[in-house]
Every structure is written in structure tokens, then in C-alpha cells.
Amino acid sequence: MNLSIYKPNSKNLGCAASFQIAQKDNAEPLFYVNFIAQHSWNDQKKTGSFAESRNDPSKTASLKFNEFELGEIINAFNQKIAYSTFHTNDTNKTSIRFAPFEKSKGQGENAVKYTAFGFSVTRNGSDSFKLPMEPGECVRLVAFINKYYSLLDDFRKNVNKEKKTDTKFEKPKTTKQEAPVEETDEF
């Protein structure tokens, strides 16, 4: 399952992101985001191309978010506040940020101000991916994250059911003796 957002621009600094829910047999679902930087801009057609960046490691990035980071993202959208986190492994140090910014549509008396979000990822201080997100895209991402939560909860529920049916519980034997009670000041 995936949700893709493409944001090319005439400055050739655009980005595309694919939010994905992946699940292997007998494993919890995982939530990934894959980025690809814009490769070119066709000024006549007003379109950007991304495919040529696919095989350039400096033009692609992949992140895995856990359920609590996703909750922080939803909270950032709902509260219109920034959320930042950091991922590190043997080869990469990646900073991640969701931040609100003000935009307007229309002109003059018909202008309407609203809050959009910038999703930026910087890997090793040099590879940068920036995805501006309109309110509708944020709402759709929240719905997609909620789908992930539903799949995750269903998986965990089924695992717990299997554990209960695979394990035979014996009722503990009881005796009529009472254990001595020790008084203590510690909690």
C-alpha cells in the first residue's frame, strides 16, 4: 500500500515522496517513506521528471518511522507545531523535520491564509529532500497513518489470540495457608 506525493518545480529543486506500508508474512507491518529528488523540468509542459534520479544514491532516501514518531507527526499537524527527530545508523545521520508555514491563496480581499507543512530530510548534512504539503495532503497522510495503525493493531491482536490458543494455562494450586505480611515504608 502506498501514498505518493509529487512536488516538482521550475527551479528543479522538487521532490517526490512515497509513503508505504509494508508487511511480510508473520511480521508486524512497517511504515516507510521513500524520497526521490527531481531530475529535470520541462518548461514547455510545466512538468518535472524524477525517474532519472532513481539510481543516484545522493538523490534518493528511505526512512522507516515507528508508531510513536507517526503519532508525533499527526500531533504536529493537529496542533500546527513543528516536530523534529533524528535517525542514525552506521553510514547515515539523518535529520527529519515537519514544520508549519503560512501560505495564502487568492489576491486582495479574496486572499485566504492557511497553514501548510514542510517535510524536510537532510542526510549527512548534504543530501536534502524538501516536500511542501498542502492541508489536504496532510489530512490524507493522517488517514494513511491511521490505516497503518489499524493494520498494526489487527496484527498484534491476532498474535495475542494465537498465543492464548497455543498456550495451555493451568490453574495454580491454592492452599489455605496465608503468607505472612511484612510491613515496609517503601512503595
N, C-alpha and C. Protein backbone atom coordinates (compact mmCIF):
# COMPACT_ATOMS: atom_id res chain seq x y z
N MET A 1 0.84 -1.16 0.00
CA MET A 1 0.00 0.00 0.00
C MET A 1 0.89 1.24 0.00
N ASN A 2 0.54 2.22 -0.81
CA ASN A 2 1.34 3.44 -0.76
C ASN A 2 0.51 4.68 -1.07
N LEU A 3 1.09 5.79 -0.69
CA LEU A 3 0.53 7.11 -0.94
C LEU A 3 1.68 7.94 -1.49
N SER A 4 1.54 8.46 -2.71
CA SER A 4 2.62 9.22 -3.33
C SER A 4 2.24 10.68 -3.49
N ILE A 5 3.22 11.55 -3.23
CA ILE A 5 3.05 12.99 -3.41
C ILE A 5 4.23 13.48 -4.25
N TYR A 6 3.92 14.11 -5.39
CA TYR A 6 4.93 14.64 -6.30
C TYR A 6 4.91 16.16 -6.23
N LYS A 7 6.07 16.77 -6.05
CA LYS A 7 6.16 18.22 -5.97
C LYS A 7 7.33 18.74 -6.81
N PRO A 8 7.20 18.66 -8.16
CA PRO A 8 8.25 19.24 -8.99
C PRO A 8 8.11 20.77 -9.01
N ASN A 9 9.19 21.45 -9.38
CA ASN A 9 9.11 22.90 -9.54
C ASN A 9 10.07 23.36 -10.63
N SER A 10 9.88 24.56 -11.10
CA SER A 10 10.67 25.09 -12.21
C SER A 10 12.13 25.34 -11.84
N LYS A 11 12.43 25.41 -10.56
CA LYS A 11 13.82 25.59 -10.12
C LYS A 11 14.56 24.26 -10.09
N ASN A 12 13.85 23.18 -10.41
CA ASN A 12 14.41 21.83 -10.43
C ASN A 12 14.89 21.39 -9.04
N LEU A 13 14.21 21.86 -8.01
CA LEU A 13 14.55 21.51 -6.64
C LEU A 13 13.44 20.67 -5.98
N GLY A 14 12.54 20.16 -6.79
CA GLY A 14 11.39 19.43 -6.28
C GLY A 14 11.75 18.06 -5.74
N CYS A 15 10.74 17.43 -5.22
CA CYS A 15 10.91 16.13 -4.56
C CYS A 15 9.61 15.35 -4.69
N ALA A 16 9.75 14.04 -4.68
CA ALA A 16 8.58 13.17 -4.62
C ALA A 16 8.77 12.26 -3.41
N ALA A 17 7.66 11.95 -2.76
CA ALA A 17 7.71 11.05 -1.60
C ALA A 17 6.67 9.97 -1.78
N SER A 18 7.05 8.77 -1.43
CA SER A 18 6.13 7.64 -1.44
C SER A 18 6.07 7.09 -0.02
N PHE A 19 4.91 7.22 0.60
CA PHE A 19 4.68 6.69 1.94
C PHE A 19 4.17 5.26 1.74
N GLN A 20 4.79 4.30 2.42
CA GLN A 20 4.44 2.90 2.16
C GLN A 20 4.22 2.13 3.45
N ILE A 21 3.23 1.25 3.40
CA ILE A 21 3.01 0.28 4.47
C ILE A 21 3.43 -1.06 3.88
N ALA A 22 4.42 -1.67 4.51
CA ALA A 22 4.93 -2.96 4.03
C ALA A 22 4.77 -4.00 5.12
N GLN A 23 4.43 -5.22 4.71
CA GLN A 23 4.27 -6.28 5.70
C GLN A 23 4.67 -7.61 5.09
N LYS A 24 5.58 -8.29 5.78
CA LYS A 24 5.96 -9.64 5.39
C LYS A 24 5.13 -10.62 6.21
N ASP A 25 5.03 -11.86 5.74
CA ASP A 25 4.27 -12.88 6.46
C ASP A 25 4.77 -12.99 7.89
N ASN A 26 3.84 -13.08 8.81
CA ASN A 26 4.11 -13.26 10.23
C ASN A 26 5.01 -12.19 10.84
N ALA A 27 4.92 -10.97 10.34
CA ALA A 27 5.69 -9.86 10.88
C ALA A 27 4.80 -8.63 10.96
N GLU A 28 5.11 -7.77 11.91
CA GLU A 28 4.35 -6.53 12.05
C GLU A 28 4.51 -5.67 10.80
N PRO A 29 3.47 -4.93 10.44
CA PRO A 29 3.62 -4.00 9.31
C PRO A 29 4.62 -2.91 9.67
N LEU A 30 5.28 -2.37 8.65
CA LEU A 30 6.26 -1.31 8.82
C LEU A 30 5.83 -0.11 7.98
N PHE A 31 6.24 1.08 8.41
CA PHE A 31 5.89 2.31 7.71
C PHE A 31 7.16 2.96 7.19
N TYR A 32 7.25 3.12 5.87
CA TYR A 32 8.42 3.70 5.22
C TYR A 32 8.04 4.96 4.45
N VAL A 33 9.03 5.82 4.25
CA VAL A 33 8.91 6.94 3.33
C VAL A 33 10.14 6.89 2.42
N ASN A 34 9.90 6.88 1.13
CA ASN A 34 10.98 6.91 0.15
C ASN A 34 10.93 8.23 -0.59
N PHE A 35 12.09 8.88 -0.71
CA PHE A 35 12.20 10.16 -1.39
C PHE A 35 13.01 10.01 -2.66
N ILE A 36 12.67 10.82 -3.64
CA ILE A 36 13.48 10.92 -4.85
C ILE A 36 13.49 12.39 -5.26
N ALA A 37 14.69 12.89 -5.54
CA ALA A 37 14.84 14.28 -5.93
C ALA A 37 14.48 14.46 -7.40
N GLN A 38 13.97 15.62 -7.71
CA GLN A 38 13.63 15.97 -9.09
C GLN A 38 14.90 15.97 -9.93
N HIS A 39 14.80 15.44 -11.14
CA HIS A 39 15.96 15.40 -12.05
C HIS A 39 15.93 16.54 -13.06
N SER A 40 14.74 16.84 -13.60
CA SER A 40 14.68 17.87 -14.64
C SER A 40 13.31 18.53 -14.66
N TRP A 41 13.23 19.62 -15.43
CA TRP A 41 11.99 20.38 -15.58
C TRP A 41 11.77 20.66 -17.06
N ASN A 42 10.57 20.39 -17.54
CA ASN A 42 10.19 20.69 -18.92
C ASN A 42 9.36 21.97 -18.87
N ASP A 43 9.97 23.07 -19.28
CA ASP A 43 9.31 24.37 -19.17
C ASP A 43 8.11 24.49 -20.10
N GLN A 44 8.15 23.82 -21.25
CA GLN A 44 7.01 23.89 -22.18
C GLN A 44 5.79 23.18 -21.61
N LYS A 45 6.01 21.99 -21.03
CA LYS A 45 4.89 21.20 -20.49
C LYS A 45 4.61 21.51 -19.02
N LYS A 46 5.53 22.25 -18.39
CA LYS A 46 5.41 22.57 -16.96
C LYS A 46 5.33 21.29 -16.12
N THR A 47 6.23 20.35 -16.43
CA THR A 47 6.28 19.08 -15.70
C THR A 47 7.71 18.79 -15.28
N GLY A 48 7.84 18.06 -14.21
CA GLY A 48 9.14 17.64 -13.73
C GLY A 48 9.31 16.15 -13.92
N SER A 49 10.57 15.74 -14.00
CA SER A 49 10.87 14.31 -14.15
C SER A 49 11.71 13.86 -12.96
N PHE A 50 11.41 12.67 -12.48
CA PHE A 50 12.11 12.11 -11.32
C PHE A 50 12.86 10.83 -11.65
N ALA A 51 12.43 10.11 -12.66
CA ALA A 51 12.92 8.76 -12.95
C ALA A 51 14.43 8.69 -13.09
N GLU A 52 15.05 9.70 -13.68
CA GLU A 52 16.49 9.66 -13.90
C GLU A 52 17.29 9.73 -12.60
N SER A 53 16.68 10.15 -11.50
CA SER A 53 17.36 10.22 -10.20
C SER A 53 17.32 8.89 -9.45
N ARG A 54 16.56 7.96 -9.96
CA ARG A 54 16.30 6.71 -9.26
C ARG A 54 17.57 5.95 -8.86
N ASN A 55 18.59 5.93 -9.70
CA ASN A 55 19.79 5.13 -9.44
C ASN A 55 20.94 5.92 -8.84
N ASP A 56 20.70 7.16 -8.47
CA ASP A 56 21.72 8.01 -7.84
C ASP A 56 21.48 8.01 -6.33
N PRO A 57 22.36 7.38 -5.55
CA PRO A 57 22.15 7.29 -4.10
C PRO A 57 22.03 8.65 -3.40
N SER A 58 22.63 9.70 -3.96
CA SER A 58 22.52 11.02 -3.33
C SER A 58 21.19 11.68 -3.65
N LYS A 59 20.42 11.10 -4.56
CA LYS A 59 19.13 11.66 -4.98
C LYS A 59 17.94 10.85 -4.44
N THR A 60 18.21 9.84 -3.63
CA THR A 60 17.14 9.03 -3.05
C THR A 60 17.41 8.85 -1.56
N ALA A 61 16.35 8.65 -0.82
CA ALA A 61 16.46 8.38 0.61
C ALA A 61 15.28 7.52 1.03
N SER A 62 15.51 6.71 2.05
CA SER A 62 14.45 5.86 2.59
C SER A 62 14.49 5.94 4.11
N LEU A 63 13.33 6.14 4.70
CA LEU A 63 13.21 6.23 6.16
C LEU A 63 12.16 5.24 6.64
N LYS A 64 12.36 4.74 7.83
CA LYS A 64 11.34 3.91 8.48
C LYS A 64 10.93 4.65 9.75
N PHE A 65 9.62 4.85 9.90
CA PHE A 65 9.08 5.51 11.09
C PHE A 65 8.43 4.49 12.00
N ASN A 66 8.61 4.67 13.31
CA ASN A 66 7.90 3.80 14.25
C ASN A 66 6.55 4.43 14.60
N GLU A 67 5.74 3.68 15.30
CA GLU A 67 4.38 4.12 15.58
C GLU A 67 4.31 5.40 16.41
N PHE A 68 5.31 5.64 17.23
CA PHE A 68 5.29 6.83 18.09
C PHE A 68 5.74 8.06 17.31
N GLU A 69 6.69 7.91 16.40
CA GLU A 69 7.07 9.02 15.53
C GLU A 69 5.88 9.43 14.66
N LEU A 70 5.15 8.45 14.17
CA LEU A 70 3.96 8.76 13.37
C LEU A 70 2.92 9.51 14.20
N GLY A 71 2.78 9.14 15.46
CA GLY A 71 1.89 9.87 16.35
C GLY A 71 2.33 11.31 16.54
N GLU A 72 3.64 11.53 16.62
CA GLU A 72 4.17 12.89 16.74
C GLU A 72 3.88 13.70 15.48
N ILE A 73 3.94 13.06 14.31
CA ILE A 73 3.64 13.75 13.06
C ILE A 73 2.17 14.18 13.04
N ILE A 74 1.28 13.26 13.42
CA ILE A 74 -0.14 13.60 13.48
C ILE A 74 -0.37 14.75 14.46
N ASN A 75 0.27 14.68 15.61
CA ASN A 75 0.13 15.75 16.60
C ASN A 75 0.63 17.08 16.04
N ALA A 76 1.74 17.06 15.32
CA ALA A 76 2.26 18.30 14.72
C ALA A 76 1.24 18.89 13.76
N PHE A 77 0.64 18.05 12.92
CA PHE A 77 -0.39 18.54 12.00
C PHE A 77 -1.57 19.13 12.77
N ASN A 78 -2.06 18.40 13.77
CA ASN A 78 -3.24 18.84 14.52
C ASN A 78 -2.99 20.12 15.32
N GLN A 79 -1.83 20.22 15.93
CA GLN A 79 -1.51 21.37 16.78
C GLN A 79 -0.85 22.52 16.00
N LYS A 80 -0.51 22.25 14.73
CA LYS A 80 0.20 23.23 13.88
C LYS A 80 1.50 23.66 14.55
N ILE A 81 2.27 22.65 14.98
CA ILE A 81 3.58 22.87 15.61
C ILE A 81 4.62 22.05 14.86
N ALA A 82 5.87 22.38 15.09
CA ALA A 82 6.97 21.65 14.45
C ALA A 82 7.27 20.36 15.20
N TYR A 83 7.74 19.38 14.47
CA TYR A 83 8.23 18.13 15.04
C TYR A 83 9.54 17.78 14.35
N SER A 84 10.56 17.51 15.14
CA SER A 84 11.86 17.12 14.59
C SER A 84 12.32 15.84 15.25
N THR A 85 13.04 15.04 14.49
CA THR A 85 13.63 13.82 15.02
C THR A 85 14.92 13.56 14.26
N PHE A 86 15.63 12.55 14.69
CA PHE A 86 16.94 12.24 14.13
C PHE A 86 17.07 10.74 14.02
N HIS A 87 17.49 10.25 12.87
CA HIS A 87 17.77 8.83 12.69
C HIS A 87 19.26 8.67 12.39
N THR A 88 19.86 7.66 12.97
CA THR A 88 21.27 7.41 12.72
C THR A 88 21.51 5.91 12.60
N ASN A 89 22.46 5.56 11.74
CA ASN A 89 22.93 4.17 11.65
C ASN A 89 24.42 4.21 11.31
N ASP A 90 24.98 3.10 10.91
CA ASP A 90 26.42 3.04 10.66
C ASP A 90 26.91 4.02 9.60
N THR A 91 26.10 4.28 8.59
CA THR A 91 26.56 5.10 7.47
C THR A 91 25.85 6.44 7.33
N ASN A 92 24.70 6.61 7.95
CA ASN A 92 23.92 7.83 7.73
C ASN A 92 23.46 8.48 9.03
N LYS A 93 23.47 9.80 9.00
CA LYS A 93 22.89 10.61 10.07
C LYS A 93 21.86 11.50 9.39
N THR A 94 20.61 11.30 9.76
CA THR A 94 19.51 11.96 9.05
C THR A 94 18.66 12.78 10.01
N SER A 95 18.50 14.06 9.69
CA SER A 95 17.59 14.89 10.48
C SER A 95 16.28 15.03 9.71
N ILE A 96 15.19 14.97 10.45
CA ILE A 96 13.85 14.96 9.88
C ILE A 96 13.04 16.06 10.57
N ARG A 97 12.30 16.82 9.78
CA ARG A 97 11.53 17.91 10.37
C ARG A 97 10.22 18.11 9.62
N PHE A 98 9.16 18.25 10.39
CA PHE A 98 7.86 18.70 9.90
C PHE A 98 7.64 20.06 10.54
N ALA A 99 7.39 21.07 9.73
CA ALA A 99 7.21 22.41 10.29
C ALA A 99 6.09 23.15 9.54
N PRO A 100 5.22 23.81 10.30
CA PRO A 100 4.14 24.57 9.66
C PRO A 100 4.68 25.86 9.06
N PHE A 101 4.03 26.32 8.01
CA PHE A 101 4.31 27.63 7.45
C PHE A 101 3.02 28.20 6.87
N GLU A 102 2.94 29.52 6.85
CA GLU A 102 1.73 30.20 6.39
C GLU A 102 1.78 30.41 4.88
N LYS A 103 0.66 30.17 4.25
CA LYS A 103 0.50 30.41 2.81
C LYS A 103 -0.78 31.19 2.60
N SER A 104 -0.95 31.68 1.40
CA SER A 104 -2.22 32.32 1.07
C SER A 104 -2.60 31.97 -0.36
N LYS A 105 -3.91 31.93 -0.57
CA LYS A 105 -4.48 31.69 -1.90
C LYS A 105 -5.33 32.90 -2.24
N GLY A 106 -5.32 33.28 -3.49
CA GLY A 106 -6.12 34.41 -3.92
C GLY A 106 -5.38 35.72 -3.71
N GLN A 107 -6.03 36.78 -4.12
CA GLN A 107 -5.41 38.10 -4.02
C GLN A 107 -6.39 39.10 -3.44
N GLY A 108 -5.83 40.13 -2.83
CA GLY A 108 -6.64 41.23 -2.31
C GLY A 108 -7.63 40.78 -1.25
N GLU A 109 -8.88 41.23 -1.39
CA GLU A 109 -9.92 40.89 -0.42
C GLU A 109 -10.25 39.40 -0.44
N ASN A 110 -9.96 38.73 -1.54
CA ASN A 110 -10.27 37.31 -1.66
C ASN A 110 -9.15 36.40 -1.17
N ALA A 111 -8.06 36.98 -0.70
CA ALA A 111 -6.93 36.18 -0.22
C ALA A 111 -7.32 35.44 1.06
N VAL A 112 -6.95 34.19 1.11
CA VAL A 112 -7.21 33.35 2.29
C VAL A 112 -5.89 32.79 2.78
N LYS A 113 -5.59 33.01 4.06
CA LYS A 113 -4.38 32.48 4.66
C LYS A 113 -4.68 31.11 5.26
N TYR A 114 -3.71 30.23 5.15
CA TYR A 114 -3.86 28.89 5.73
C TYR A 114 -2.48 28.35 6.10
N THR A 115 -2.47 27.26 6.84
CA THR A 115 -1.23 26.64 7.29
C THR A 115 -0.94 25.41 6.45
N ALA A 116 0.24 25.38 5.87
CA ALA A 116 0.74 24.20 5.16
C ALA A 116 1.91 23.65 5.98
N PHE A 117 2.49 22.56 5.55
CA PHE A 117 3.62 21.96 6.27
C PHE A 117 4.77 21.69 5.32
N GLY A 118 5.96 21.87 5.83
CA GLY A 118 7.16 21.48 5.11
C GLY A 118 7.72 20.22 5.75
N PHE A 119 7.98 19.21 4.95
CA PHE A 119 8.60 17.97 5.41
C PHE A 119 10.00 17.97 4.82
N SER A 120 11.01 18.11 5.66
CA SER A 120 12.38 18.16 5.16
C SER A 120 13.23 17.07 5.79
N VAL A 121 14.10 16.52 4.97
CA VAL A 121 15.01 15.46 5.39
C VAL A 121 16.40 15.85 4.91
N THR A 122 17.37 15.82 5.82
CA THR A 122 18.75 16.10 5.46
C THR A 122 19.61 14.93 5.93
N ARG A 123 20.28 14.31 4.97
CA ARG A 123 21.12 13.14 5.27
C ARG A 123 22.58 13.56 5.20
N ASN A 124 23.30 13.26 6.26
CA ASN A 124 24.74 13.52 6.35
C ASN A 124 25.10 14.98 6.05
N GLY A 125 24.20 15.88 6.35
CA GLY A 125 24.46 17.30 6.20
C GLY A 125 24.46 17.81 4.78
N SER A 126 24.28 16.93 3.79
CA SER A 126 24.38 17.40 2.41
C SER A 126 23.20 17.01 1.52
N ASP A 127 22.74 15.77 1.59
CA ASP A 127 21.63 15.33 0.75
C ASP A 127 20.33 15.82 1.38
N SER A 128 19.61 16.67 0.63
CA SER A 128 18.43 17.30 1.19
C SER A 128 17.20 17.02 0.33
N PHE A 129 16.08 16.75 1.00
CA PHE A 129 14.80 16.49 0.34
C PHE A 129 13.76 17.35 1.04
N LYS A 130 13.04 18.17 0.26
CA LYS A 130 12.04 19.07 0.84
C LYS A 130 10.72 18.86 0.12
N LEU A 131 9.70 18.57 0.92
CA LEU A 131 8.38 18.30 0.38
C LEU A 131 7.36 19.23 1.03
N PRO A 132 6.90 20.26 0.31
CA PRO A 132 5.82 21.09 0.87
C PRO A 132 4.51 20.33 0.80
N MET A 133 3.73 20.38 1.88
CA MET A 133 2.48 19.63 1.95
C MET A 133 1.32 20.57 2.21
N GLU A 134 0.35 20.53 1.32
CA GLU A 134 -0.88 21.31 1.46
C GLU A 134 -1.76 20.65 2.54
N PRO A 135 -2.73 21.39 3.09
CA PRO A 135 -3.59 20.82 4.14
C PRO A 135 -4.26 19.51 3.72
N GLY A 136 -4.75 19.43 2.51
CA GLY A 136 -5.40 18.19 2.05
C GLY A 136 -4.44 17.02 2.01
N GLU A 137 -3.19 17.28 1.68
CA GLU A 137 -2.18 16.22 1.66
C GLU A 137 -1.87 15.77 3.08
N CYS A 138 -1.86 16.71 4.02
CA CYS A 138 -1.63 16.36 5.43
C CYS A 138 -2.78 15.49 5.95
N VAL A 139 -4.01 15.87 5.61
CA VAL A 139 -5.18 15.08 6.03
C VAL A 139 -5.09 13.67 5.46
N ARG A 140 -4.72 13.57 4.19
CA ARG A 140 -4.62 12.26 3.55
C ARG A 140 -3.51 11.42 4.18
N LEU A 141 -2.38 12.05 4.53
CA LEU A 141 -1.30 11.33 5.19
C LEU A 141 -1.74 10.83 6.56
N VAL A 142 -2.48 11.63 7.29
CA VAL A 142 -3.01 11.19 8.59
C VAL A 142 -3.90 9.96 8.40
N ALA A 143 -4.77 9.97 7.39
CA ALA A 143 -5.63 8.82 7.13
C ALA A 143 -4.79 7.58 6.79
N PHE A 144 -3.71 7.78 6.05
CA PHE A 144 -2.84 6.66 5.69
C PHE A 144 -2.11 6.12 6.92
N ILE A 145 -1.66 7.02 7.79
CA ILE A 145 -1.03 6.59 9.05
C ILE A 145 -2.04 5.82 9.89
N ASN A 146 -3.28 6.30 9.94
CA ASN A 146 -4.32 5.59 10.70
C ASN A 146 -4.58 4.20 10.13
N LYS A 147 -4.46 4.04 8.81
CA LYS A 147 -4.58 2.72 8.20
C LYS A 147 -3.46 1.82 8.69
N TYR A 148 -2.26 2.37 8.77
CA TYR A 148 -1.12 1.61 9.31
C TYR A 148 -1.41 1.18 10.75
N TYR A 149 -1.91 2.12 11.56
CA TYR A 149 -2.25 1.78 12.95
C TYR A 149 -3.26 0.64 13.01
N SER A 150 -4.25 0.69 12.15
CA SER A 150 -5.28 -0.35 12.11
C SER A 150 -4.66 -1.71 11.77
N LEU A 151 -3.80 -1.74 10.77
CA LEU A 151 -3.13 -2.99 10.39
C LEU A 151 -2.23 -3.49 11.52
N LEU A 152 -1.52 -2.57 12.15
CA LEU A 152 -0.63 -2.94 13.25
C LEU A 152 -1.43 -3.51 14.42
N ASP A 153 -2.51 -2.84 14.79
CA ASP A 153 -3.35 -3.31 15.90
C ASP A 153 -3.98 -4.67 15.57
N ASP A 154 -4.46 -4.84 14.35
CA ASP A 154 -5.03 -6.13 13.95
C ASP A 154 -3.98 -7.24 14.01
N PHE A 155 -2.77 -6.95 13.56
CA PHE A 155 -1.70 -7.95 13.61
C PHE A 155 -1.41 -8.34 15.05
N ARG A 156 -1.27 -7.36 15.92
CA ARG A 156 -0.96 -7.65 17.33
C ARG A 156 -2.11 -8.39 18.00
N LYS A 157 -3.33 -8.05 17.65
CA LYS A 157 -4.49 -8.74 18.22
C LYS A 157 -4.47 -10.21 17.81
N ASN A 158 -4.18 -10.48 16.54
CA ASN A 158 -4.12 -11.87 16.06
C ASN A 158 -2.98 -12.64 16.69
N VAL A 159 -1.85 -11.99 16.90
CA VAL A 159 -0.72 -12.66 17.56
C VAL A 159 -1.10 -13.03 18.98
N ASN A 160 -1.77 -12.13 19.68
CA ASN A 160 -2.20 -12.42 21.05
C ASN A 160 -3.22 -13.55 21.09
N LYS A 161 -4.13 -13.60 20.12
CA LYS A 161 -5.09 -14.70 20.05
C LYS A 161 -4.38 -16.03 19.85
N GLU A 162 -3.39 -16.04 18.95
CA GLU A 162 -2.64 -17.27 18.69
C GLU A 162 -1.88 -17.72 19.93
N LYS A 163 -1.29 -16.78 20.66
CA LYS A 163 -0.56 -17.13 21.87
C LYS A 163 -1.48 -17.75 22.90
N LYS A 164 -2.69 -17.19 23.02
CA LYS A 164 -3.64 -17.71 24.00
C LYS A 164 -4.12 -19.11 23.64
N THR A 165 -4.30 -19.39 22.36
CA THR A 165 -4.77 -20.72 21.96
C THR A 165 -3.64 -21.74 21.94
N ASP A 166 -2.39 -21.27 21.79
CA ASP A 166 -1.25 -22.20 21.77
C ASP A 166 -0.76 -22.55 23.17
N THR A 167 -1.10 -21.77 24.14
CA THR A 167 -0.61 -21.99 25.50
C THR A 167 -1.74 -22.53 26.36
N LYS A 168 -1.44 -23.63 27.04
CA LYS A 168 -2.42 -24.18 27.97
C LYS A 168 -2.07 -23.65 29.36
N PHE A 169 -3.02 -22.96 29.92
CA PHE A 169 -2.81 -22.40 31.24
C PHE A 169 -3.36 -23.37 32.28
N GLU A 170 -2.54 -23.64 33.27
CA GLU A 170 -3.02 -24.45 34.38
C GLU A 170 -3.37 -23.53 35.52
N LYS A 171 -4.46 -23.84 36.15
CA LYS A 171 -4.88 -23.06 37.29
C LYS A 171 -3.92 -23.35 38.44
N PRO A 172 -3.38 -22.31 39.06
CA PRO A 172 -2.43 -22.55 40.15
C PRO A 172 -3.12 -23.23 41.33
N LYS A 173 -2.37 -24.15 41.96
CA LYS A 173 -2.91 -24.83 43.13
C LYS A 173 -2.86 -23.88 44.30
N THR A 174 -3.94 -23.85 45.06
CA THR A 174 -4.00 -22.94 46.20
C THR A 174 -4.04 -23.75 47.48
N THR A 175 -3.53 -23.13 48.51
CA THR A 175 -3.60 -23.74 49.83
C THR A 175 -4.30 -22.75 50.74
N LYS A 176 -4.73 -23.23 51.86
CA LYS A 176 -5.46 -22.37 52.78
C LYS A 176 -4.53 -21.58 53.68
N GLN A 177 -3.21 -21.81 53.57
CA GLN A 177 -2.28 -21.05 54.39
C GLN A 177 -2.16 -19.64 53.85
N GLU A 178 -2.05 -18.69 54.77
CA GLU A 178 -1.85 -17.31 54.36
C GLU A 178 -0.39 -16.97 54.53
N ALA A 179 0.13 -16.22 53.59
CA ALA A 179 1.52 -15.80 53.67
C ALA A 179 1.62 -14.67 54.69
N PRO A 180 2.74 -14.62 55.43
CA PRO A 180 2.91 -13.51 56.38
C PRO A 180 3.06 -12.20 55.61
N VAL A 181 2.51 -11.15 56.19
CA VAL A 181 2.58 -9.83 55.57
C VAL A 181 3.66 -9.04 56.27
N GLU A 182 4.59 -8.51 55.47
CA GLU A 182 5.66 -7.69 56.02
C GLU A 182 5.29 -6.23 55.84
N GLU A 183 5.48 -5.45 56.88
CA GLU A 183 5.21 -4.02 56.77
C GLU A 183 6.50 -3.32 56.37
N THR A 184 6.36 -2.37 55.46
CA THR A 184 7.54 -1.63 55.00
C THR A 184 7.11 -0.21 54.66
N ASP A 185 8.07 0.69 54.70
CA ASP A 185 7.82 2.08 54.35
C ASP A 185 8.01 2.32 52.86
N GLU A 186 8.56 1.34 52.17
CA GLU A 186 8.83 1.51 50.72
C GLU A 186 7.59 1.22 49.92
N PHE A 187 7.49 1.91 48.84
CA PHE A 187 6.37 1.72 47.94
C PHE A 187 6.75 0.73 46.89
